[in-house]
Protein backbone atom coordinates (compact mmCIF):
# COMPACT_ATOMS: atom_id res chain seq x y z
CA UNK A 1 0.05 0.10 0.04
CA UNK A 2 3.10 2.27 -0.13
CA UNK A 3 3.33 5.08 -2.74
CA UNK A 4 6.88 4.21 -3.46
CA UNK A 5 10.03 2.74 -2.14
CA UNK A 6 13.71 3.21 -2.26
CA UNK A 7 16.80 1.31 -1.45
CA UNK A 8 19.62 2.44 1.07
CA UNK A 9 22.80 1.18 -0.17
CA UNK A 10 24.85 -0.74 2.33
CA UNK A 11 28.42 -2.19 2.45
CA UNK A 12 29.31 -5.12 4.81
CA UNK A 13 27.72 -7.90 6.61
CA UNK A 14 24.62 -6.00 7.77
CA UNK A 15 21.77 -6.66 5.30
CA UNK A 16 19.09 -4.54 6.72
CA UNK A 17 18.53 -1.45 9.04
CA UNK A 18 15.75 -1.14 11.77
CA UNK A 19 13.16 1.47 11.02
CA UNK A 20 14.55 4.10 13.11
CA UNK A 21 18.03 3.95 11.72
CA UNK A 22 16.58 3.83 8.09
CA UNK A 23 14.51 6.85 8.94
CA UNK A 24 17.51 8.69 10.32
CA UNK A 25 19.59 8.04 7.43
CA UNK A 26 16.95 9.02 4.97
CA UNK A 27 16.22 12.33 6.76
CA UNK A 28 19.93 13.14 6.98
CA UNK A 29 20.42 12.36 3.30
CA UNK A 30 17.53 14.67 2.38
CA UNK A 31 18.99 17.51 4.63
CA UNK A 32 22.30 17.04 2.98
CA UNK A 33 21.06 17.30 -0.54
CA UNK A 34 18.88 20.30 0.21
CA UNK A 35 21.68 21.97 2.11
CA UNK A 36 24.15 21.46 -0.78
CA UNK A 37 21.72 22.84 -3.30
CA UNK A 38 21.24 26.05 -1.11
CA UNK A 39 17.71 25.30 0.13
CA UNK A 40 18.44 26.74 3.49
CA UNK A 41 20.58 29.79 2.59
CA UNK A 42 17.69 32.19 3.05
CA UNK A 43 14.26 32.29 4.63
CA UNK A 44 11.33 31.90 2.21
CA UNK A 45 8.72 33.40 4.50
CA UNK A 46 8.15 37.07 4.72
CA UNK A 47 8.95 38.74 8.16
CA UNK A 48 5.31 39.07 9.20
CA UNK A 49 4.47 35.34 8.61
CA UNK A 50 7.90 34.31 10.06
CA UNK A 51 7.34 36.32 13.44
CA UNK A 52 3.67 35.04 13.44
CA UNK A 53 4.70 31.42 13.35
CA UNK A 54 7.55 31.98 15.63
CA UNK A 55 5.32 33.47 18.37
CA UNK A 56 2.71 30.69 17.83
CA UNK A 57 5.09 27.93 18.16
CA UNK A 58 7.15 29.45 21.10
CA UNK A 59 4.18 30.14 23.27
CA UNK A 60 2.06 27.12 22.60
CA UNK A 61 0.28 26.14 25.89
CA UNK A 62 0.57 22.56 27.08
CA UNK A 63 -3.18 22.07 27.22
CA UNK A 64 -3.42 22.60 23.44
């Protein structure tokens, strides 16, 4: 029922990764590629929206 799949190349005697390690490797690789392409070099939100979200996320009540 998955939309797609991909392979994580591995070298050595280990033939599989547990889900948490596979997730970490995948997220790091996505970050690495986006970082190399300059995706994180500048903020894409205008100052108003940025400050609005910063305030919302910083002062969220525990009861929410």
